[in-house]
PDB file of N, CA and C in Angstrom:
ATOM      1  N   MET A   1       1.327   4.798  16.432  1.00  0.00           N
ATOM      2  CA  MET A   1       1.286   3.729  15.450  1.00  0.00           C
ATOM      3  C   MET A   1       2.390   3.985  14.415  1.00  0.00           C
ATOM      4  N   SER A   2       3.163   2.957  14.132  1.00  0.00           N
ATOM      5  CA  SER A   2       4.259   3.103  13.171  1.00  0.00           C
ATOM      6  C   SER A   2       3.723   3.140  11.735  1.00  0.00           C
ATOM      7  N   ASN A   3       4.563   3.602  10.824  1.00  0.00           N
ATOM      8  CA  ASN A   3       4.162   3.628   9.421  1.00  0.00           C
ATOM      9  C   ASN A   3       3.926   2.223   8.873  1.00  0.00           C
ATOM     10  N   HIS A   4       4.685   1.241   9.368  1.00  0.00           N
ATOM     11  CA  HIS A   4       4.441  -0.150   8.963  1.00  0.00           C
ATOM     12  C   HIS A   4       3.034  -0.582   9.375  1.00  0.00           C
ATOM     13  N   GLU A   5       2.653  -0.250  10.598  1.00  0.00           N
ATOM     14  CA  GLU A   5       1.327  -0.616  11.097  1.00  0.00           C
ATOM     15  C   GLU A   5       0.231   0.119  10.337  1.00  0.00           C
ATOM     16  N   LYS A   6       0.463   1.394  10.035  1.00  0.00           N
ATOM     17  CA  LYS A   6      -0.515   2.157   9.257  1.00  0.00           C
ATOM     18  C   LYS A   6      -0.721   1.541   7.879  1.00  0.00           C
ATOM     19  N   LEU A   7       0.388   1.165   7.233  1.00  0.00           N
ATOM     20  CA  LEU A   7       0.284   0.560   5.908  1.00  0.00           C
ATOM     21  C   LEU A   7      -0.413  -0.789   5.987  1.00  0.00           C
ATOM     22  N   GLU A   8      -0.076  -1.581   6.986  1.00  0.00           N
ATOM     23  CA  GLU A   8      -0.723  -2.881   7.162  1.00  0.00           C
ATOM     24  C   GLU A   8      -2.232  -2.717   7.329  1.00  0.00           C
ATOM     25  N   ASP A   9      -2.646  -1.799   8.194  1.00  0.00           N
ATOM     26  CA  ASP A   9      -4.075  -1.556   8.404  1.00  0.00           C
ATOM     27  C   ASP A   9      -4.754  -1.113   7.112  1.00  0.00           C
ATOM     28  N   LEU A  10      -4.090  -0.244   6.366  1.00  0.00           N
ATOM     29  CA  LEU A  10      -4.647   0.260   5.112  1.00  0.00           C
ATOM     30  C   LEU A  10      -4.817  -0.863   4.093  1.00  0.00           C
ATOM     31  N   VAL A  11      -3.790  -1.686   3.928  1.00  0.00           N
ATOM     32  CA  VAL A  11      -3.836  -2.786   2.951  1.00  0.00           C
ATOM     33  C   VAL A  11      -4.931  -3.781   3.328  1.00  0.00           C
ATOM     34  N   ILE A  12      -5.019  -4.125   4.597  1.00  0.00           N
ATOM     35  CA  ILE A  12      -6.058  -5.050   5.057  1.00  0.00           C
ATOM     36  C   ILE A  12      -7.440  -4.476   4.770  1.00  0.00           C
ATOM     37  N   ASP A  13      -7.618  -3.191   5.033  1.00  0.00           N
ATOM     38  CA  ASP A  13      -8.907  -2.537   4.825  1.00  0.00           C
ATOM     39  C   ASP A  13      -9.255  -2.418   3.334  1.00  0.00           C
ATOM     40  N   VAL A  14      -8.328  -1.936   2.532  1.00  0.00           N
ATOM     41  CA  VAL A  14      -8.591  -1.687   1.107  1.00  0.00           C
ATOM     42  C   VAL A  14      -8.833  -2.992   0.353  1.00  0.00           C
ATOM     43  N   PHE A  15      -8.028  -3.994   0.635  1.00  0.00           N
ATOM     44  CA  PHE A  15      -8.108  -5.233  -0.134  1.00  0.00           C
ATOM     45  C   PHE A  15      -8.933  -6.324   0.554  1.00  0.00           C
ATOM     46  N   LEU A  16      -9.603  -5.944   1.655  1.00  0.00           N
ATOM     47  CA  LEU A  16     -10.521  -6.847   2.346  1.00  0.00           C
ATOM     48  C   LEU A  16      -9.841  -8.152   2.764  1.00  0.00           C
ATOM     49  N   LEU A  17      -8.660  -8.008   3.340  1.00  0.00           N
ATOM     50  CA  LEU A  17      -7.886  -9.163   3.785  1.00  0.00           C
ATOM     51  C   LEU A  17      -8.157  -9.462   5.252  1.00  0.00           C
ATOM     52  N   GLU A  18      -7.922 -10.698   5.624  1.00  0.00           N
ATOM     53  CA  GLU A  18      -7.872 -11.055   7.035  1.00  0.00           C
ATOM     54  C   GLU A  18      -6.473 -10.665   7.525  1.00  0.00           C
ATOM     55  N   PRO A  19      -6.337 -10.252   8.777  1.00  0.00           N
ATOM     56  CA  PRO A  19      -5.015  -9.834   9.266  1.00  0.00           C
ATOM     57  C   PRO A  19      -3.920 -10.872   9.035  1.00  0.00           C
ATOM     58  N   GLU A  20      -4.252 -12.136   9.163  1.00  0.00           N
ATOM     59  CA  GLU A  20      -3.235 -13.168   8.980  1.00  0.00           C
ATOM     60  C   GLU A  20      -2.810 -13.328   7.515  1.00  0.00           C
ATOM     61  N   GLU A  21      -3.555 -12.750   6.579  1.00  0.00           N
ATOM     62  CA  GLU A  21      -3.190 -12.817   5.168  1.00  0.00           C
ATOM     63  C   GLU A  21      -2.127 -11.782   4.788  1.00  0.00           C
ATOM     64  N   PHE A  22      -1.953 -10.760   5.627  1.00  0.00           N
ATOM     65  CA  PHE A  22      -0.986  -9.703   5.335  1.00  0.00           C
ATOM     66  C   PHE A  22       0.429 -10.166   5.665  1.00  0.00           C
ATOM     67  N   HIS A  23       1.358  -9.879   4.769  1.00  0.00           N
ATOM     68  CA  HIS A  23       2.782 -10.037   5.046  1.00  0.00           C
ATOM     69  C   HIS A  23       3.526  -9.042   4.152  1.00  0.00           C
ATOM     70  N   HIS A  24       4.734  -8.690   4.554  1.00  0.00           N
ATOM     71  CA  HIS A  24       5.471  -7.642   3.839  1.00  0.00           C
ATOM     72  C   HIS A  24       5.978  -8.071   2.467  1.00  0.00           C
ATOM     73  N   ASP A  25       5.864  -9.349   2.152  1.00  0.00           N
ATOM     74  CA  ASP A  25       6.229  -9.838   0.822  1.00  0.00           C
ATOM     75  C   ASP A  25       5.001  -9.974  -0.087  1.00  0.00           C
ATOM     76  N   LEU A  26       3.862  -9.508   0.376  1.00  0.00           N
ATOM     77  CA  LEU A  26       2.612  -9.635  -0.371  1.00  0.00           C
ATOM     78  C   LEU A  26       2.726  -8.951  -1.730  1.00  0.00           C
ATOM     79  N   ARG A  27       2.244  -9.650  -2.757  1.00  0.00           N
ATOM     80  CA  ARG A  27       2.305  -9.143  -4.130  1.00  0.00           C
ATOM     81  C   ARG A  27       0.902  -9.065  -4.716  1.00  0.00           C
ATOM     82  N   ARG A  28       0.751  -8.203  -5.711  1.00  0.00           N
ATOM     83  CA  ARG A  28      -0.534  -7.988  -6.362  1.00  0.00           C
ATOM     84  C   ARG A  28      -1.151  -9.295  -6.847  1.00  0.00           C
ATOM     85  N   ASP A  29      -0.355 -10.187  -7.405  1.00  0.00           N
ATOM     86  CA  ASP A  29      -0.902 -11.422  -7.967  1.00  0.00           C
ATOM     87  C   ASP A  29      -1.413 -12.402  -6.906  1.00  0.00           C
ATOM     88  N   GLU A  30      -1.196 -12.090  -5.622  1.00  0.00           N
ATOM     89  CA  GLU A  30      -1.701 -12.921  -4.530  1.00  0.00           C
ATOM     90  C   GLU A  30      -3.046 -12.434  -3.998  1.00  0.00           C
ATOM     91  N   VAL A  31      -3.488 -11.264  -4.471  1.00  0.00           N
ATOM     92  CA  VAL A  31      -4.673 -10.619  -3.893  1.00  0.00           C
ATOM     93  C   VAL A  31      -5.703 -10.374  -4.992  1.00  0.00           C
ATOM     94  N   ASP A  32      -6.819 -11.089  -4.918  1.00  0.00           N
ATOM     95  CA  ASP A  32      -7.863 -10.964  -5.946  1.00  0.00           C
ATOM     96  C   ASP A  32      -8.429  -9.547  -6.050  1.00  0.00           C
ATOM     97  N   THR A  33      -8.486  -8.846  -4.934  1.00  0.00           N
ATOM     98  CA  THR A  33      -9.083  -7.506  -4.930  1.00  0.00           C
ATOM     99  C   THR A  33      -8.088  -6.397  -5.284  1.00  0.00           C
ATOM    100  N   TRP A  34      -6.830  -6.764  -5.591  1.00  0.00           N
ATOM    101  CA  TRP A  34      -5.830  -5.770  -6.006  1.00  0.00           C
ATOM    102  C   TRP A  34      -5.983  -5.588  -7.514  1.00  0.00           C
ATOM    103  N   ASP A  35      -7.136  -5.035  -7.881  1.00  0.00           N
ATOM    104  CA  ASP A  35      -7.499  -4.804  -9.278  1.00  0.00           C
ATOM    105  C   ASP A  35      -7.535  -3.299  -9.517  1.00  0.00           C
ATOM    106  N   SER A  36      -8.131  -2.859 -10.611  1.00  0.00           N
ATOM    107  CA  SER A  36      -8.122  -1.426 -10.919  1.00  0.00           C
ATOM    108  C   SER A  36      -8.827  -0.604  -9.847  1.00  0.00           C
ATOM    109  N   LEU A  37      -9.930  -1.086  -9.319  1.00  0.00           N
ATOM    110  CA  LEU A  37     -10.608  -0.370  -8.239  1.00  0.00           C
ATOM    111  C   LEU A  37      -9.755  -0.386  -6.968  1.00  0.00           C
ATOM    112  N   GLY A  38      -9.116  -1.509  -6.696  1.00  0.00           N
ATOM    113  CA  GLY A  38      -8.234  -1.601  -5.539  1.00  0.00           C
ATOM    114  C   GLY A  38      -7.061  -0.646  -5.636  1.00  0.00           C
ATOM    115  N   ILE A  39      -6.525  -0.481  -6.844  1.00  0.00           N
ATOM    116  CA  ILE A  39      -5.407   0.450  -7.056  1.00  0.00           C
ATOM    117  C   ILE A  39      -5.843   1.874  -6.725  1.00  0.00           C
ATOM    118  N   VAL A  40      -7.020   2.271  -7.197  1.00  0.00           N
ATOM    119  CA  VAL A  40      -7.535   3.620  -6.909  1.00  0.00           C
ATOM    120  C   VAL A  40      -7.771   3.778  -5.417  1.00  0.00           C
ATOM    121  N   SER A  41      -8.383   2.774  -4.802  1.00  0.00           N
ATOM    122  CA  SER A  41      -8.650   2.839  -3.363  1.00  0.00           C
ATOM    123  C   SER A  41      -7.352   2.927  -2.565  1.00  0.00           C
ATOM    124  N   MET A  42      -6.345   2.171  -2.986  1.00  0.00           N
ATOM    125  CA  MET A  42      -5.049   2.221  -2.308  1.00  0.00           C
ATOM    126  C   MET A  42      -4.416   3.609  -2.457  1.00  0.00           C
ATOM    127  N   ALA A  43      -4.475   4.180  -3.650  1.00  0.00           N
ATOM    128  CA  ALA A  43      -3.892   5.512  -3.877  1.00  0.00           C
ATOM    129  C   ALA A  43      -4.574   6.560  -2.996  1.00  0.00           C
ATOM    130  N   VAL A  44      -5.890   6.483  -2.894  1.00  0.00           N
ATOM    131  CA  VAL A  44      -6.631   7.422  -2.040  1.00  0.00           C
ATOM    132  C   VAL A  44      -6.257   7.201  -0.580  1.00  0.00           C
ATOM    133  N   GLY A  45      -6.156   5.936  -0.169  1.00  0.00           N
ATOM    134  CA  GLY A  45      -5.772   5.626   1.202  1.00  0.00           C
ATOM    135  C   GLY A  45      -4.377   6.104   1.545  1.00  0.00           C
ATOM    136  N   ILE A  46      -3.438   5.924   0.614  1.00  0.00           N
ATOM    137  CA  ILE A  46      -2.065   6.404   0.820  1.00  0.00           C
ATOM    138  C   ILE A  46      -2.066   7.914   1.020  1.00  0.00           C
ATOM    139  N   GLN A  47      -2.847   8.612   0.221  1.00  0.00           N
ATOM    140  CA  GLN A  47      -2.916  10.069   0.364  1.00  0.00           C
ATOM    141  C   GLN A  47      -3.511  10.449   1.718  1.00  0.00           C
ATOM    142  N   ASP A  48      -4.576   9.769   2.128  1.00  0.00           N
ATOM    143  CA  ASP A  48      -5.215  10.077   3.418  1.00  0.00           C
ATOM    144  C   ASP A  48      -4.297   9.777   4.595  1.00  0.00           C
ATOM    145  N   VAL A  49      -3.620   8.633   4.558  1.00  0.00           N
ATOM    146  CA  VAL A  49      -2.830   8.182   5.703  1.00  0.00           C
ATOM    147  C   VAL A  49      -1.446   8.822   5.743  1.00  0.00           C
ATOM    148  N   PHE A  50      -0.799   8.922   4.576  1.00  0.00           N
ATOM    149  CA  PHE A  50       0.590   9.382   4.531  1.00  0.00           C
ATOM    150  C   PHE A  50       0.765  10.764   3.910  1.00  0.00           C
ATOM    151  N   GLY A  51      -0.289  11.304   3.314  1.00  0.00           N
ATOM    152  CA  GLY A  51      -0.193  12.631   2.711  1.00  0.00           C
ATOM    153  C   GLY A  51       0.565  12.655   1.405  1.00  0.00           C
ATOM    154  N   TYR A  52       0.766  11.482   0.807  1.00  0.00           N
ATOM    155  CA  TYR A  52       1.483  11.415  -0.465  1.00  0.00           C
ATOM    156  C   TYR A  52       0.509  11.054  -1.574  1.00  0.00           C
ATOM    157  N   HIS A  53       0.574  11.815  -2.664  1.00  0.00           N
ATOM    158  CA  HIS A  53      -0.316  11.594  -3.811  1.00  0.00           C
ATOM    159  C   HIS A  53       0.419  10.815  -4.895  1.00  0.00           C
ATOM    160  N   PHE A  54       0.006   9.558  -5.110  1.00  0.00           N
ATOM    161  CA  PHE A  54       0.574   8.757  -6.193  1.00  0.00           C
ATOM    162  C   PHE A  54       0.229   9.376  -7.535  1.00  0.00           C
ATOM    163  N   THR A  55       1.183   9.394  -8.454  1.00  0.00           N
ATOM    164  CA  THR A  55       0.851   9.711  -9.838  1.00  0.00           C
ATOM    165  C   THR A  55       0.139   8.488 -10.414  1.00  0.00           C
ATOM    166  N   PRO A  56      -0.589   8.648 -11.517  1.00  0.00           N
ATOM    167  CA  PRO A  56      -1.229   7.479 -12.121  1.00  0.00           C
ATOM    168  C   PRO A  56      -0.229   6.374 -12.462  1.00  0.00           C
ATOM    169  N   ASP A  57       0.945   6.738 -12.973  1.00  0.00           N
ATOM    170  CA  ASP A  57       1.959   5.734 -13.300  1.00  0.00           C
ATOM    171  C   ASP A  57       2.454   5.009 -12.054  1.00  0.00           C
ATOM    172  N   GLU A  58       2.665   5.745 -10.961  1.00  0.00           N
ATOM    173  CA  GLU A  58       3.104   5.120  -9.714  1.00  0.00           C
ATOM    174  C   GLU A  58       2.044   4.155  -9.197  1.00  0.00           C
ATOM    175  N   ALA A  59       0.797   4.600  -9.213  1.00  0.00           N
ATOM    176  CA  ALA A  59      -0.286   3.781  -8.679  1.00  0.00           C
ATOM    177  C   ALA A  59      -0.410   2.461  -9.421  1.00  0.00           C
ATOM    178  N   THR A  60      -0.245   2.506 -10.721  1.00  0.00           N
ATOM    179  CA  THR A  60      -0.403   1.276 -11.497  1.00  0.00           C
ATOM    180  C   THR A  60       0.865   0.432 -11.534  1.00  0.00           C
ATOM    181  N   SER A  61       2.012   1.022 -11.207  1.00  0.00           N
ATOM    182  CA  SER A  61       3.264   0.263 -11.291  1.00  0.00           C
ATOM    183  C   SER A  61       3.603  -0.489 -10.006  1.00  0.00           C
ATOM    184  N   VAL A  62       3.109  -0.039  -8.857  1.00  0.00           N
ATOM    185  CA  VAL A  62       3.437  -0.756  -7.628  1.00  0.00           C
ATOM    186  C   VAL A  62       2.722  -2.105  -7.635  1.00  0.00           C
ATOM    187  N   ASP A  63       3.491  -3.145  -7.390  1.00  0.00           N
ATOM    188  CA  ASP A  63       2.924  -4.487  -7.474  1.00  0.00           C
ATOM    189  C   ASP A  63       3.180  -5.313  -6.223  1.00  0.00           C
ATOM    190  N   SER A  64       3.609  -4.635  -5.157  1.00  0.00           N
ATOM    191  CA  SER A  64       3.881  -5.348  -3.914  1.00  0.00           C
ATOM    192  C   SER A  64       3.924  -4.353  -2.758  1.00  0.00           C
ATOM    193  N   ILE A  65       3.850  -4.898  -1.557  1.00  0.00           N
ATOM    194  CA  ILE A  65       3.988  -4.053  -0.364  1.00  0.00           C
ATOM    195  C   ILE A  65       5.378  -3.439  -0.335  1.00  0.00           C
ATOM    196  N   LYS A  66       6.384  -4.220  -0.674  1.00  0.00           N
ATOM    197  CA  LYS A  66       7.754  -3.691  -0.699  1.00  0.00           C
ATOM    198  C   LYS A  66       7.881  -2.532  -1.679  1.00  0.00           C
ATOM    199  N   ALA A  67       7.211  -2.612  -2.819  1.00  0.00           N
ATOM    200  CA  ALA A  67       7.262  -1.527  -3.811  1.00  0.00           C
ATOM    201  C   ALA A  67       6.578  -0.271  -3.278  1.00  0.00           C
ATOM    202  N   ILE A  68       5.486  -0.446  -2.549  1.00  0.00           N
ATOM    203  CA  ILE A  68       4.802   0.704  -1.951  1.00  0.00           C
ATOM    204  C   ILE A  68       5.718   1.370  -0.928  1.00  0.00           C
ATOM    205  N   ILE A  69       6.326   0.572  -0.060  1.00  0.00           N
ATOM    206  CA  ILE A  69       7.231   1.120   0.956  1.00  0.00           C
ATOM    207  C   ILE A  69       8.398   1.839   0.289  1.00  0.00           C
ATOM    208  N   SER A  70       8.979   1.234  -0.717  1.00  0.00           N
ATOM    209  CA  SER A  70      10.112   1.838  -1.413  1.00  0.00           C
ATOM    210  C   SER A  70       9.727   3.183  -2.017  1.00  0.00           C
ATOM    211  N   LEU A  71       8.589   3.240  -2.666  1.00  0.00           N
ATOM    212  CA  LEU A  71       8.129   4.486  -3.277  1.00  0.00           C
ATOM    213  C   LEU A  71       7.888   5.562  -2.222  1.00  0.00           C
ATOM    214  N   LEU A  72       7.266   5.188  -1.112  1.00  0.00           N
ATOM    215  CA  LEU A  72       7.023   6.160  -0.051  1.00  0.00           C
ATOM    216  C   LEU A  72       8.332   6.642   0.566  1.00  0.00           C
ATOM    217  N   GLU A  73       9.282   5.718   0.767  1.00  0.00           N
ATOM    218  CA  GLU A  73      10.582   6.121   1.317  1.00  0.00           C
ATOM    219  C   GLU A  73      11.321   7.062   0.367  1.00  0.00           C
ATOM    220  N   GLN A  74      11.218   6.832  -0.915  1.00  0.00           N
ATOM    221  CA  GLN A  74      11.858   7.711  -1.905  1.00  0.00           C
ATOM    222  C   GLN A  74      11.271   9.121  -1.841  1.00  0.00           C
ATOM    223  N   ASN A  75      10.085   9.223  -1.275  1.00  0.00           N
ATOM    224  CA  ASN A  75       9.408  10.515  -1.184  1.00  0.00           C
ATOM    225  C   ASN A  75       9.345  11.033   0.250  1.00  0.00           C
ATOM    226  N   GLY A  76      10.297  10.562   1.079  1.00  0.00           N
ATOM    227  CA  GLY A  76      10.507  11.150   2.395  1.00  0.00           C
ATOM    228  C   GLY A  76       9.682  10.576   3.519  1.00  0.00           C
ATOM    229  N   ILE A  77       8.992   9.476   3.309  1.00  0.00           N
ATOM    230  CA  ILE A  77       8.194   8.865   4.363  1.00  0.00           C
ATOM    231  C   ILE A  77       8.971   7.677   4.916  1.00  0.00           C
ATOM    232  N   SER A  78       9.341   7.750   6.186  1.00  0.00           N
ATOM    233  CA  SER A  78      10.237   6.773   6.786  1.00  0.00           C
ATOM    234  C   SER A  78       9.510   5.518   7.258  1.00  0.00           C
ATOM    235  N   PHE A  79      10.152   4.388   7.014  1.00  0.00           N
ATOM    236  CA  PHE A  79       9.677   3.097   7.522  1.00  0.00           C
ATOM    237  C   PHE A  79      10.764   2.445   8.374  1.00  0.00           C
ATOM    238  N   ASP A  80      11.624   3.260   8.967  1.00  0.00           N
ATOM    239  CA  ASP A  80      12.757   2.763   9.756  1.00  0.00           C
ATOM    240  C   ASP A  80      12.437   2.659  11.242  1.00  0.00           C
ATOM    241  N   GLU A  81      11.204   2.383  11.601  1.00  0.00           N
ATOM    242  CA  GLU A  81      10.861   2.325  13.025  1.00  0.00           C
ATOM    243  C   GLU A  81      11.402   1.070  13.644  1.00  0.00           C
TER     244      GLU A  81
END
């Protein structure tokens, strides 16, 4: 499973989305469940799936799927599949 697929599965699971609702341009303001609890759940999921621990500032600053990918890539996790 590619890192894109892992992230997609995680986002769908954490934010209780239907698969067809996911897209790589998805932003926080489009997802009702991307709230403070969702941010914590996403940070825990990122750590479980990718082994990367978001700082509190990182967790609260990411506002899109692209921002999550960018942050993970900056920390050595490749999305170039």
